[in-house]
Amino acid sequence: MFKYYKKYIINVDCLKPKIMKLTYTGKIALNIHGTTIHSSFVIPLNKNFNELKALCDEKCDSLIKHYDQLH
């Protein structure tokens, strides 16, 4: 079986996530063994959503590199 799938996994990094289980609240995230949307994509929790700050370029680049194999 490995011989068949070998051509598909040559450029795959096993430490990067392929699928993420995301939810809105921490309690549900614990139940499904996932994470919250806010923590995964580094979205700050503010009560006033009109004042969201942009991520710095370094943080944005690190998120893109970490999630580049996400389906």
PDB file of N, CA and C in Angstrom:
ATOM      1  N   MET A   1       0.816  -1.175   0.000  1.00  0.00           N
ATOM      2  CA  MET A   1       0.000   0.000   0.000  1.00  0.00           C
ATOM      3  C   MET A   1       0.875   1.260   0.000  1.00  0.00           C
ATOM      4  N   PHE A   2       1.983   1.219   0.716  1.00  0.00           N
ATOM      5  CA  PHE A   2       2.879   2.365   0.766  1.00  0.00           C
ATOM      6  C   PHE A   2       3.435   2.688  -0.612  1.00  0.00           C
ATOM      7  N   LYS A   3       3.725   1.651  -1.403  1.00  0.00           N
ATOM      8  CA  LYS A   3       4.249   1.881  -2.744  1.00  0.00           C
ATOM      9  C   LYS A   3       3.246   2.655  -3.596  1.00  0.00           C
ATOM     10  N   TYR A   4       1.972   2.419  -3.389  1.00  0.00           N
ATOM     11  CA  TYR A   4       0.948   3.098  -4.166  1.00  0.00           C
ATOM     12  C   TYR A   4       0.859   4.572  -3.794  1.00  0.00           C
ATOM     13  N   TYR A   5       0.892   4.884  -2.496  1.00  0.00           N
ATOM     14  CA  TYR A   5       0.738   6.261  -2.036  1.00  0.00           C
ATOM     15  C   TYR A   5       2.047   7.045  -1.960  1.00  0.00           C
ATOM     16  N   LYS A   6       3.166   6.407  -2.209  1.00  0.00           N
ATOM     17  CA  LYS A   6       4.465   7.061  -2.087  1.00  0.00           C
ATOM     18  C   LYS A   6       4.578   8.289  -2.994  1.00  0.00           C
ATOM     19  N   LYS A   7       4.044   8.222  -4.191  1.00  0.00           N
ATOM     20  CA  LYS A   7       4.144   9.350  -5.113  1.00  0.00           C
ATOM     21  C   LYS A   7       3.329  10.553  -4.639  1.00  0.00           C
ATOM     22  N   TYR A   8       2.330  10.332  -3.775  1.00  0.00           N
ATOM     23  CA  TYR A   8       1.507  11.429  -3.286  1.00  0.00           C
ATOM     24  C   TYR A   8       2.068  12.089  -2.032  1.00  0.00           C
ATOM     25  N   ILE A   9       2.950  11.411  -1.312  1.00  0.00           N
ATOM     26  CA  ILE A   9       3.425  11.947  -0.033  1.00  0.00           C
ATOM     27  C   ILE A   9       4.879  12.399  -0.066  1.00  0.00           C
ATOM     28  N   ILE A  10       5.435  12.588  -1.227  1.00  0.00           N
ATOM     29  CA  ILE A  10       6.837  12.993  -1.328  1.00  0.00           C
ATOM     30  C   ILE A  10       7.049  14.370  -0.712  1.00  0.00           C
ATOM     31  N   ASN A  11       6.220  15.338  -1.042  1.00  0.00           N
ATOM     32  CA  ASN A  11       6.389  16.706  -0.565  1.00  0.00           C
ATOM     33  C   ASN A  11       5.476  17.044   0.608  1.00  0.00           C
ATOM     34  N   VAL A  12       5.083  16.063   1.389  1.00  0.00           N
ATOM     35  CA  VAL A  12       4.166  16.280   2.503  1.00  0.00           C
ATOM     36  C   VAL A  12       4.943  16.328   3.809  1.00  0.00           C
ATOM     37  N   ASP A  13       4.687  17.346   4.601  1.00  0.00           N
ATOM     38  CA  ASP A  13       5.281  17.462   5.931  1.00  0.00           C
ATOM     39  C   ASP A  13       4.278  16.905   6.939  1.00  0.00           C
ATOM     40  N   CYS A  14       4.623  15.840   7.624  1.00  0.00           N
ATOM     41  CA  CYS A  14       3.700  15.175   8.547  1.00  0.00           C
ATOM     42  C   CYS A  14       3.403  15.999   9.797  1.00  0.00           C
ATOM     43  N   LEU A  15       4.205  17.019  10.085  1.00  0.00           N
ATOM     44  CA  LEU A  15       3.970  17.839  11.261  1.00  0.00           C
ATOM     45  C   LEU A  15       2.970  18.961  11.010  1.00  0.00           C
ATOM     46  N   LYS A  16       2.640  19.218   9.762  1.00  0.00           N
ATOM     47  CA  LYS A  16       1.681  20.269   9.434  1.00  0.00           C
ATOM     48  C   LYS A  16       0.278  19.670   9.359  1.00  0.00           C
ATOM     49  N   PRO A  17      -0.726  20.416   9.842  1.00  0.00           N
ATOM     50  CA  PRO A  17      -2.089  19.871   9.818  1.00  0.00           C
ATOM     51  C   PRO A  17      -2.654  19.799   8.408  1.00  0.00           C
ATOM     52  N   LYS A  18      -3.423  18.748   8.146  1.00  0.00           N
ATOM     53  CA  LYS A  18      -4.105  18.600   6.864  1.00  0.00           C
ATOM     54  C   LYS A  18      -5.579  18.989   7.011  1.00  0.00           C
ATOM     55  N   ILE A  19      -6.148  18.645   8.147  1.00  0.00           N
ATOM     56  CA  ILE A  19      -7.544  18.929   8.469  1.00  0.00           C
ATOM     57  C   ILE A  19      -7.578  19.469   9.889  1.00  0.00           C
ATOM     58  N   MET A  20      -8.397  20.500  10.112  1.00  0.00           N
ATOM     59  CA  MET A  20      -8.529  21.064  11.454  1.00  0.00           C
ATOM     60  C   MET A  20      -9.977  20.977  11.897  1.00  0.00           C
ATOM     61  N   LYS A  21     -10.172  20.648  13.159  1.00  0.00           N
ATOM     62  CA  LYS A  21     -11.502  20.676  13.747  1.00  0.00           C
ATOM     63  C   LYS A  21     -11.613  21.959  14.552  1.00  0.00           C
ATOM     64  N   LEU A  22     -12.395  22.914  14.036  1.00  0.00           N
ATOM     65  CA  LEU A  22     -12.509  24.219  14.660  1.00  0.00           C
ATOM     66  C   LEU A  22     -13.932  24.452  15.143  1.00  0.00           C
ATOM     67  N   THR A  23     -14.056  25.223  16.204  1.00  0.00           N
ATOM     68  CA  THR A  23     -15.358  25.564  16.752  1.00  0.00           C
ATOM     69  C   THR A  23     -15.298  26.943  17.390  1.00  0.00           C
ATOM     70  N   TYR A  24     -16.446  27.438  17.825  1.00  0.00           N
ATOM     71  CA  TYR A  24     -16.523  28.784  18.390  1.00  0.00           C
ATOM     72  C   TYR A  24     -16.124  28.858  19.856  1.00  0.00           C
ATOM     73  N   THR A  25     -16.442  27.835  20.616  1.00  0.00           N
ATOM     74  CA  THR A  25     -16.196  27.903  22.058  1.00  0.00           C
ATOM     75  C   THR A  25     -15.197  26.845  22.503  1.00  0.00           C
ATOM     76  N   GLY A  26     -14.551  27.123  23.624  1.00  0.00           N
ATOM     77  CA  GLY A  26     -13.548  26.202  24.156  1.00  0.00           C
ATOM     78  C   GLY A  26     -14.128  24.898  24.652  1.00  0.00           C
ATOM     79  N   LYS A  27     -15.339  24.939  25.202  1.00  0.00           N
ATOM     80  CA  LYS A  27     -15.962  23.721  25.716  1.00  0.00           C
ATOM     81  C   LYS A  27     -16.241  22.722  24.595  1.00  0.00           C
ATOM     82  N   ILE A  28     -16.740  23.217  23.495  1.00  0.00           N
ATOM     83  CA  ILE A  28     -16.987  22.329  22.351  1.00  0.00           C
ATOM     84  C   ILE A  28     -15.665  21.850  21.761  1.00  0.00           C
ATOM     85  N   ALA A  29     -14.663  22.712  21.740  1.00  0.00           N
ATOM     86  CA  ALA A  29     -13.349  22.325  21.215  1.00  0.00           C
ATOM     87  C   ALA A  29     -12.769  21.165  22.011  1.00  0.00           C
ATOM     88  N   LEU A  30     -12.946  21.191  23.321  1.00  0.00           N
ATOM     89  CA  LEU A  30     -12.481  20.069  24.146  1.00  0.00           C
ATOM     90  C   LEU A  30     -13.245  18.795  23.822  1.00  0.00           C
ATOM     91  N   ASN A  31     -14.545  18.913  23.582  1.00  0.00           N
ATOM     92  CA  ASN A  31     -15.360  17.727  23.293  1.00  0.00           C
ATOM     93  C   ASN A  31     -14.999  17.072  21.970  1.00  0.00           C
ATOM     94  N   ILE A  32     -14.614  17.860  20.987  1.00  0.00           N
ATOM     95  CA  ILE A  32     -14.288  17.284  19.677  1.00  0.00           C
ATOM     96  C   ILE A  32     -12.787  17.108  19.471  1.00  0.00           C
ATOM     97  N   HIS A  33     -12.003  17.384  20.509  1.00  0.00           N
ATOM     98  CA  HIS A  33     -10.539  17.301  20.445  1.00  0.00           C
ATOM     99  C   HIS A  33     -10.001  18.213  19.341  1.00  0.00           C
ATOM    100  N   GLY A  34     -10.515  19.447  19.319  1.00  0.00           N
ATOM    101  CA  GLY A  34     -10.085  20.434  18.331  1.00  0.00           C
ATOM    102  C   GLY A  34      -9.649  21.708  19.025  1.00  0.00           C
ATOM    103  N   THR A  35      -9.700  22.818  18.313  1.00  0.00           N
ATOM    104  CA  THR A  35      -9.334  24.119  18.860  1.00  0.00           C
ATOM    105  C   THR A  35     -10.384  25.148  18.453  1.00  0.00           C
ATOM    106  N   THR A  36     -10.301  26.308  19.071  1.00  0.00           N
ATOM    107  CA  THR A  36     -11.217  27.374  18.691  1.00  0.00           C
ATOM    108  C   THR A  36     -10.681  28.100  17.460  1.00  0.00           C
ATOM    109  N   ILE A  37     -11.590  28.742  16.765  1.00  0.00           N
ATOM    110  CA  ILE A  37     -11.208  29.499  15.575  1.00  0.00           C
ATOM    111  C   ILE A  37     -10.249  30.621  15.952  1.00  0.00           C
ATOM    112  N   HIS A  38     -10.541  31.270  17.073  1.00  0.00           N
ATOM    113  CA  HIS A  38      -9.734  32.405  17.500  1.00  0.00           C
ATOM    114  C   HIS A  38      -8.293  32.004  17.809  1.00  0.00           C
ATOM    115  N   SER A  39      -8.120  30.890  18.479  1.00  0.00           N
ATOM    116  CA  SER A  39      -6.753  30.499  18.835  1.00  0.00           C
ATOM    117  C   SER A  39      -5.986  29.954  17.631  1.00  0.00           C
ATOM    118  N   SER A  40      -6.668  29.286  16.718  1.00  0.00           N
ATOM    119  CA  SER A  40      -5.982  28.717  15.557  1.00  0.00           C
ATOM    120  C   SER A  40      -5.491  29.780  14.591  1.00  0.00           C
ATOM    121  N   PHE A  41      -6.297  30.812  14.388  1.00  0.00           N
ATOM    122  CA  PHE A  41      -5.936  31.840  13.421  1.00  0.00           C
ATOM    123  C   PHE A  41      -5.531  33.157  14.079  1.00  0.00           C
ATOM    124  N   VAL A  42      -5.229  33.116  15.361  1.00  0.00           N
ATOM    125  CA  VAL A  42      -4.706  34.240  16.132  1.00  0.00           C
ATOM    126  C   VAL A  42      -5.606  35.482  15.973  1.00  0.00           C
ATOM    127  N   ILE A  43      -6.902  35.274  16.183  1.00  0.00           N
ATOM    128  CA  ILE A  43      -7.856  36.377  16.132  1.00  0.00           C
ATOM    129  C   ILE A  43      -8.046  36.869  17.566  1.00  0.00           C
ATOM    130  N   PRO A  44      -7.796  38.144  17.831  1.00  0.00           N
ATOM    131  CA  PRO A  44      -7.952  38.642  19.202  1.00  0.00           C
ATOM    132  C   PRO A  44      -9.419  38.689  19.611  1.00  0.00           C
ATOM    133  N   LEU A  45      -9.684  38.373  20.861  1.00  0.00           N
ATOM    134  CA  LEU A  45     -11.043  38.419  21.385  1.00  0.00           C
ATOM    135  C   LEU A  45     -11.319  39.813  21.934  1.00  0.00           C
ATOM    136  N   ASN A  46     -12.105  40.579  21.225  1.00  0.00           N
ATOM    137  CA  ASN A  46     -12.512  41.909  21.650  1.00  0.00           C
ATOM    138  C   ASN A  46     -14.033  41.970  21.656  1.00  0.00           C
ATOM    139  N   LYS A  47     -14.590  42.727  22.567  1.00  0.00           N
ATOM    140  CA  LYS A  47     -16.041  42.905  22.562  1.00  0.00           C
ATOM    141  C   LYS A  47     -16.473  43.854  21.453  1.00  0.00           C
ATOM    142  N   ASN A  48     -15.587  44.733  21.038  1.00  0.00           N
ATOM    143  CA  ASN A  48     -15.894  45.661  19.960  1.00  0.00           C
ATOM    144  C   ASN A  48     -15.215  45.167  18.685  1.00  0.00           C
ATOM    145  N   PHE A  49     -15.982  44.495  17.833  1.00  0.00           N
ATOM    146  CA  PHE A  49     -15.407  43.883  16.634  1.00  0.00           C
ATOM    147  C   PHE A  49     -15.036  44.910  15.566  1.00  0.00           C
ATOM    148  N   ASN A  50     -15.427  46.168  15.738  1.00  0.00           N
ATOM    149  CA  ASN A  50     -15.068  47.192  14.772  1.00  0.00           C
ATOM    150  C   ASN A  50     -13.616  47.617  14.911  1.00  0.00           C
ATOM    151  N   GLU A  51     -12.961  47.202  15.983  1.00  0.00           N
ATOM    152  CA  GLU A  51     -11.587  47.624  16.243  1.00  0.00           C
ATOM    153  C   GLU A  51     -10.592  46.469  16.138  1.00  0.00           C
ATOM    154  N   LEU A  52     -10.772  45.619  15.159  1.00  0.00           N
ATOM    155  CA  LEU A  52      -9.831  44.516  14.975  1.00  0.00           C
ATOM    156  C   LEU A  52      -8.523  45.051  14.408  1.00  0.00           C
ATOM    157  N   LYS A  53      -7.424  44.571  14.948  1.00  0.00           N
ATOM    158  CA  LYS A  53      -6.109  44.988  14.473  1.00  0.00           C
ATOM    159  C   LYS A  53      -5.574  43.974  13.474  1.00  0.00           C
ATOM    160  N   ALA A  54      -4.824  44.460  12.517  1.00  0.00           N
ATOM    161  CA  ALA A  54      -4.216  43.578  11.522  1.00  0.00           C
ATOM    162  C   ALA A  54      -3.035  42.845  12.142  1.00  0.00           C
ATOM    163  N   LEU A  55      -2.795  41.634  11.674  1.00  0.00           N
ATOM    164  CA  LEU A  55      -1.647  40.865  12.142  1.00  0.00           C
ATOM    165  C   LEU A  55      -0.374  41.440  11.527  1.00  0.00           C
ATOM    166  N   CYS A  56       0.707  41.349  12.260  1.00  0.00           N
ATOM    167  CA  CYS A  56       1.984  41.790  11.702  1.00  0.00           C
ATOM    168  C   CYS A  56       2.415  40.812  10.602  1.00  0.00           C
ATOM    169  N   ASP A  57       3.278  41.252   9.753  1.00  0.00           N
ATOM    170  CA  ASP A  57       3.699  40.436   8.609  1.00  0.00           C
ATOM    171  C   ASP A  57       4.365  39.134   9.027  1.00  0.00           C
ATOM    172  N   GLU A  58       5.142  39.169  10.095  1.00  0.00           N
ATOM    173  CA  GLU A  58       5.831  37.955  10.557  1.00  0.00           C
ATOM    174  C   GLU A  58       4.834  36.899  11.008  1.00  0.00           C
ATOM    175  N   LYS A  59       3.811  37.315  11.760  1.00  0.00           N
ATOM    176  CA  LYS A  59       2.810  36.369  12.253  1.00  0.00           C
ATOM    177  C   LYS A  59       1.987  35.828  11.094  1.00  0.00           C
ATOM    178  N   CYS A  60       1.659  36.688  10.152  1.00  0.00           N
ATOM    179  CA  CYS A  60       0.903  36.270   8.980  1.00  0.00           C
ATOM    180  C   CYS A  60       1.691  35.246   8.159  1.00  0.00           C
ATOM    181  N   ASP A  61       2.957  35.495   7.955  1.00  0.00           N
ATOM    182  CA  ASP A  61       3.804  34.565   7.207  1.00  0.00           C
ATOM    183  C   ASP A  61       3.935  33.221   7.917  1.00  0.00           C
ATOM    184  N   SER A  62       4.048  33.252   9.248  1.00  0.00           N
ATOM    185  CA  SER A  62       4.176  31.993   9.982  1.00  0.00           C
ATOM    186  C   SER A  62       2.879  31.192   9.920  1.00  0.00           C
ATOM    187  N   LEU A  63       1.723  31.857   9.928  1.00  0.00           N
ATOM    188  CA  LEU A  63       0.447  31.144   9.783  1.00  0.00           C
ATOM    189  C   LEU A  63       0.324  30.520   8.398  1.00  0.00           C
ATOM    190  N   ILE A  64       0.731  31.254   7.381  1.00  0.00           N
ATOM    191  CA  ILE A  64       0.657  30.734   6.015  1.00  0.00           C
ATOM    192  C   ILE A  64       1.561  29.508   5.855  1.00  0.00           C
ATOM    193  N   LYS A  65       2.763  29.567   6.400  1.00  0.00           N
ATOM    194  CA  LYS A  65       3.692  28.431   6.304  1.00  0.00           C
ATOM    195  C   LYS A  65       3.190  27.223   7.079  1.00  0.00           C
ATOM    196  N   HIS A  66       2.559  27.475   8.239  1.00  0.00           N
ATOM    197  CA  HIS A  66       2.088  26.366   9.065  1.00  0.00           C
ATOM    198  C   HIS A  66       0.858  25.691   8.473  1.00  0.00           C
ATOM    199  N   TYR A  67      -0.020  26.469   7.829  1.00  0.00           N
ATOM    200  CA  TYR A  67      -1.272  25.932   7.307  1.00  0.00           C
ATOM    201  C   TYR A  67      -1.272  25.757   5.796  1.00  0.00           C
ATOM    202  N   ASP A  68      -0.129  25.697   5.155  1.00  0.00           N
ATOM    203  CA  ASP A  68      -0.104  25.629   3.699  1.00  0.00           C
ATOM    204  C   ASP A  68      -0.602  24.297   3.131  1.00  0.00           C
ATOM    205  N   GLN A  69      -0.642  23.239   3.918  1.00  0.00           N
ATOM    206  CA  GLN A  69      -1.122  21.950   3.431  1.00  0.00           C
ATOM    207  C   GLN A  69      -2.534  21.638   3.927  1.00  0.00           C
ATOM    208  N   LEU A  70      -3.210  22.640   4.412  1.00  0.00           N
ATOM    209  CA  LEU A  70      -4.563  22.477   4.935  1.00  0.00           C
ATOM    210  C   LEU A  70      -5.549  22.289   3.786  1.00  0.00           C
ATOM    211  N   HIS A  71      -6.436  21.326   3.922  1.00  0.00           N
ATOM    212  CA  HIS A  71      -7.455  21.059   2.888  1.00  0.00           C
ATOM    213  C   HIS A  71      -8.756  21.696   3.291  1.00  0.00           C
TER     214      HIS A  71
END
